[in-house]
N, C-alpha and C. Protein backbone atom coordinates (compact mmCIF):
# COMPACT_ATOMS: atom_id res chain seq x y z
N MET A 1 77.99 103.53 90.33
CA MET A 1 79.28 103.70 89.69
C MET A 1 79.25 103.09 88.31
N THR A 2 79.85 103.79 87.38
CA THR A 2 79.85 103.26 86.02
C THR A 2 80.90 102.18 85.84
N GLU A 3 82.01 102.32 86.50
CA GLU A 3 83.07 101.31 86.38
C GLU A 3 83.01 100.40 87.60
N ASP A 4 83.07 99.13 87.38
CA ASP A 4 82.94 98.17 88.47
C ASP A 4 84.13 98.25 89.43
N VAL A 5 83.84 98.37 90.70
CA VAL A 5 84.89 98.52 91.71
C VAL A 5 85.82 97.31 91.74
N LEU A 6 85.28 96.12 91.58
CA LEU A 6 86.15 94.95 91.61
C LEU A 6 87.18 94.99 90.50
N GLN A 7 86.77 95.40 89.32
CA GLN A 7 87.72 95.47 88.20
C GLN A 7 88.77 96.54 88.43
N ARG A 8 88.37 97.66 89.06
CA ARG A 8 89.35 98.72 89.36
C ARG A 8 90.35 98.26 90.41
N VAL A 9 89.86 97.54 91.43
CA VAL A 9 90.76 97.03 92.47
C VAL A 9 91.71 96.00 91.88
N ILE A 10 91.18 95.08 91.08
CA ILE A 10 92.03 94.07 90.44
C ILE A 10 93.09 94.74 89.58
N ALA A 11 92.70 95.72 88.78
CA ALA A 11 93.65 96.41 87.90
C ALA A 11 94.77 97.07 88.70
N LYS A 12 94.41 97.70 89.80
CA LYS A 12 95.43 98.36 90.63
C LYS A 12 96.38 97.32 91.22
N ILE A 13 95.85 96.23 91.72
CA ILE A 13 96.69 95.19 92.33
C ILE A 13 97.55 94.52 91.27
N GLU A 14 96.97 94.19 90.13
CA GLU A 14 97.75 93.52 89.08
C GLU A 14 98.83 94.42 88.50
N ALA A 15 98.60 95.73 88.50
CA ALA A 15 99.58 96.67 87.95
C ALA A 15 100.85 96.72 88.80
N ASP A 16 100.71 96.56 90.09
CA ASP A 16 101.87 96.62 90.99
C ASP A 16 101.55 95.81 92.24
N PRO A 17 101.58 94.47 92.13
CA PRO A 17 101.09 93.62 93.20
C PRO A 17 101.86 93.68 94.52
N HIS A 18 103.06 94.20 94.49
CA HIS A 18 103.84 94.22 95.73
C HIS A 18 103.98 95.62 96.34
N SER A 19 103.23 96.57 95.78
CA SER A 19 103.27 97.91 96.37
C SER A 19 102.47 97.93 97.66
N GLY A 20 102.79 98.86 98.50
CA GLY A 20 102.06 99.01 99.76
C GLY A 20 100.58 99.25 99.54
N GLN A 21 100.23 100.05 98.51
CA GLN A 21 98.84 100.36 98.24
C GLN A 21 98.06 99.11 97.81
N SER A 22 98.70 98.29 96.98
CA SER A 22 98.05 97.04 96.56
C SER A 22 97.84 96.11 97.74
N LEU A 23 98.83 96.02 98.58
CA LEU A 23 98.72 95.14 99.75
C LEU A 23 97.65 95.61 100.72
N LEU A 24 97.51 96.92 100.87
CA LEU A 24 96.45 97.46 101.73
C LEU A 24 95.07 97.13 101.17
N LEU A 25 94.90 97.30 99.86
CA LEU A 25 93.61 96.96 99.25
C LEU A 25 93.32 95.47 99.33
N PHE A 26 94.34 94.66 99.10
CA PHE A 26 94.16 93.22 99.17
C PHE A 26 93.76 92.80 100.59
N ALA A 27 94.40 93.38 101.59
CA ALA A 27 94.05 93.06 102.98
C ALA A 27 92.60 93.42 103.27
N LEU A 28 92.16 94.56 102.76
CA LEU A 28 90.76 94.95 102.95
C LEU A 28 89.83 93.97 102.25
N ALA A 29 90.14 93.62 101.00
CA ALA A 29 89.29 92.69 100.25
C ALA A 29 89.21 91.34 100.96
N LYS A 30 90.33 90.85 101.46
CA LYS A 30 90.33 89.57 102.16
C LYS A 30 89.53 89.65 103.45
N THR A 31 89.58 90.80 104.12
CA THR A 31 88.79 90.99 105.33
C THR A 31 87.30 90.96 104.99
N LEU A 32 86.92 91.62 103.91
CA LEU A 32 85.53 91.64 103.50
C LEU A 32 85.07 90.29 102.98
N ASP A 33 86.02 89.42 102.66
CA ASP A 33 85.72 88.08 102.16
C ASP A 33 85.37 87.12 103.30
N MET A 34 85.56 87.54 104.55
CA MET A 34 85.30 86.67 105.71
C MET A 34 84.10 87.21 106.48
N PRO A 35 82.88 86.93 106.03
CA PRO A 35 81.69 87.51 106.68
C PRO A 35 81.54 87.14 108.14
N ARG A 36 81.95 85.98 108.52
CA ARG A 36 81.82 85.59 109.93
C ARG A 36 82.95 86.16 110.79
N GLY A 37 83.92 86.77 110.14
CA GLY A 37 85.04 87.36 110.86
C GLY A 37 84.75 88.75 111.38
N GLY A 38 83.55 89.25 111.13
CA GLY A 38 83.18 90.56 111.65
C GLY A 38 83.79 91.70 110.87
N HIS A 39 84.39 91.43 109.74
CA HIS A 39 84.99 92.46 108.90
C HIS A 39 85.95 93.34 109.69
N MET A 40 86.86 92.67 110.37
CA MET A 40 87.84 93.41 111.18
C MET A 40 88.95 93.96 110.28
N TYR A 41 89.04 95.25 110.20
CA TYR A 41 90.08 95.93 109.43
C TYR A 41 90.38 97.21 110.19
N MET A 42 91.61 97.44 110.45
CA MET A 42 91.96 98.63 111.22
C MET A 42 91.74 99.87 110.35
N LEU A 43 90.79 100.68 110.73
CA LEU A 43 90.49 101.88 109.96
C LEU A 43 91.68 102.83 109.90
N GLN A 44 92.58 102.67 110.83
CA GLN A 44 93.80 103.48 110.84
C GLN A 44 94.60 103.24 109.55
N LYS A 45 94.43 102.06 108.95
CA LYS A 45 95.13 101.75 107.70
C LYS A 45 94.72 102.70 106.58
N LEU A 46 93.53 103.28 106.67
CA LEU A 46 93.09 104.23 105.65
C LEU A 46 94.06 105.41 105.56
N ARG A 47 94.69 105.76 106.65
CA ARG A 47 95.66 106.86 106.65
C ARG A 47 96.89 106.55 105.82
N GLU A 48 97.19 105.28 105.65
CA GLU A 48 98.37 104.87 104.88
C GLU A 48 98.10 104.85 103.38
N MET A 49 96.84 104.99 103.01
CA MET A 49 96.46 104.94 101.60
C MET A 49 96.55 106.31 100.96
N THR A 50 96.85 106.30 99.66
CA THR A 50 96.76 107.54 98.90
C THR A 50 95.27 107.86 98.73
N SER A 51 94.96 109.05 98.31
CA SER A 51 93.54 109.41 98.15
C SER A 51 92.87 108.53 97.10
N ASP A 52 93.58 108.17 96.03
CA ASP A 52 93.01 107.28 95.01
C ASP A 52 92.72 105.89 95.57
N THR A 53 93.66 105.35 96.33
CA THR A 53 93.47 104.03 96.92
C THR A 53 92.36 104.06 97.95
N ARG A 54 92.29 105.14 98.72
CA ARG A 54 91.24 105.27 99.73
C ARG A 54 89.87 105.31 99.07
N ALA A 55 89.76 105.99 97.93
CA ALA A 55 88.49 106.02 97.20
C ALA A 55 88.09 104.61 96.77
N LEU A 56 89.06 103.82 96.31
CA LEU A 56 88.78 102.43 95.96
C LEU A 56 88.36 101.63 97.19
N ALA A 57 89.01 101.88 98.31
CA ALA A 57 88.67 101.18 99.55
C ALA A 57 87.24 101.50 99.97
N TYR A 58 86.86 102.77 99.89
CA TYR A 58 85.48 103.15 100.24
C TYR A 58 84.48 102.48 99.30
N ALA A 59 84.80 102.44 98.02
CA ALA A 59 83.92 101.80 97.05
C ALA A 59 83.82 100.30 97.33
N LEU A 60 84.93 99.69 97.73
CA LEU A 60 84.92 98.28 98.06
C LEU A 60 84.06 98.02 99.31
N MET A 61 84.15 98.91 100.29
CA MET A 61 83.32 98.78 101.49
C MET A 61 81.83 98.96 101.14
N GLU A 62 81.53 99.87 100.24
CA GLU A 62 80.15 100.07 99.79
C GLU A 62 79.65 98.81 99.07
N HIS A 63 80.53 98.21 98.30
CA HIS A 63 80.22 96.94 97.61
C HIS A 63 79.78 95.89 98.64
N MET A 64 80.51 95.81 99.75
CA MET A 64 80.18 94.88 100.83
C MET A 64 78.87 95.28 101.50
N ALA A 65 78.68 96.56 101.75
CA ALA A 65 77.47 97.03 102.43
C ALA A 65 76.22 96.71 101.62
N GLU A 66 76.38 96.64 100.31
CA GLU A 66 75.26 96.29 99.42
C GLU A 66 75.09 94.77 99.31
N GLY A 67 75.92 94.02 100.04
CA GLY A 67 75.80 92.57 100.03
C GLY A 67 76.38 91.90 98.80
N ARG A 68 77.29 92.59 98.11
CA ARG A 68 77.84 92.04 96.87
C ARG A 68 79.23 91.43 97.06
N ASN A 69 79.57 91.07 98.29
CA ASN A 69 80.87 90.45 98.55
C ASN A 69 80.74 88.93 98.69
N THR A 70 79.86 88.37 97.90
CA THR A 70 79.69 86.92 97.82
C THR A 70 79.35 86.56 96.38
N GLY A 71 79.49 85.30 96.06
CA GLY A 71 79.09 84.84 94.75
C GLY A 71 80.25 84.68 93.79
N PRO A 72 79.96 84.20 92.59
CA PRO A 72 81.00 83.87 91.63
C PRO A 72 81.87 85.06 91.20
N GLU A 73 81.26 86.24 90.99
CA GLU A 73 82.04 87.40 90.58
C GLU A 73 83.03 87.81 91.68
N TRP A 74 82.55 87.83 92.91
CA TRP A 74 83.40 88.17 94.05
C TRP A 74 84.52 87.14 94.20
N ASP A 75 84.17 85.86 94.15
CA ASP A 75 85.17 84.80 94.31
C ASP A 75 86.24 84.88 93.23
N ALA A 76 85.82 85.15 92.00
CA ALA A 76 86.77 85.26 90.89
C ALA A 76 87.69 86.47 91.09
N ALA A 77 87.13 87.57 91.58
CA ALA A 77 87.94 88.77 91.82
C ALA A 77 88.98 88.51 92.92
N ILE A 78 88.56 87.87 94.00
CA ILE A 78 89.49 87.56 95.09
C ILE A 78 90.58 86.63 94.58
N ALA A 79 90.22 85.65 93.76
CA ALA A 79 91.20 84.72 93.21
C ALA A 79 92.22 85.44 92.35
N ARG A 80 91.78 86.40 91.53
CA ARG A 80 92.73 87.16 90.70
C ARG A 80 93.64 88.02 91.56
N MET A 81 93.09 88.62 92.61
CA MET A 81 93.92 89.43 93.51
C MET A 81 94.96 88.56 94.18
N GLU A 82 94.54 87.39 94.68
CA GLU A 82 95.48 86.48 95.35
C GLU A 82 96.57 86.03 94.39
N LYS A 83 96.21 85.73 93.17
CA LYS A 83 97.20 85.30 92.16
C LYS A 83 98.23 86.40 91.92
N ALA A 84 97.75 87.64 91.79
CA ALA A 84 98.67 88.76 91.57
C ALA A 84 99.59 88.97 92.76
N ILE A 85 99.05 88.93 93.95
CA ILE A 85 99.84 89.18 95.15
C ILE A 85 100.89 88.08 95.34
N ARG A 86 100.48 86.84 95.09
CA ARG A 86 101.39 85.71 95.29
C ARG A 86 102.39 85.54 94.16
N GLY A 87 102.10 86.19 93.03
CA GLY A 87 103.02 86.15 91.90
C GLY A 87 103.09 84.81 91.28
């Protein structure tokens, strides 16, 4: 991907942090942030996403599958998402 998925997710969440779509993405990101938690996320939630949000969710899951859901960049992205959601 030419555009970094974390930056796209952050931008979507920061643009409208209290929308249902932002909250769904944030919940997925937080789930992927807990490696010992087994990455439990109800796939049924994908049905609640718009096609654009679902594409971001798939890209975020691919990010995790590549082992890129750890480290300073990931931690900083999660922190920005949390800040936006908490206002």
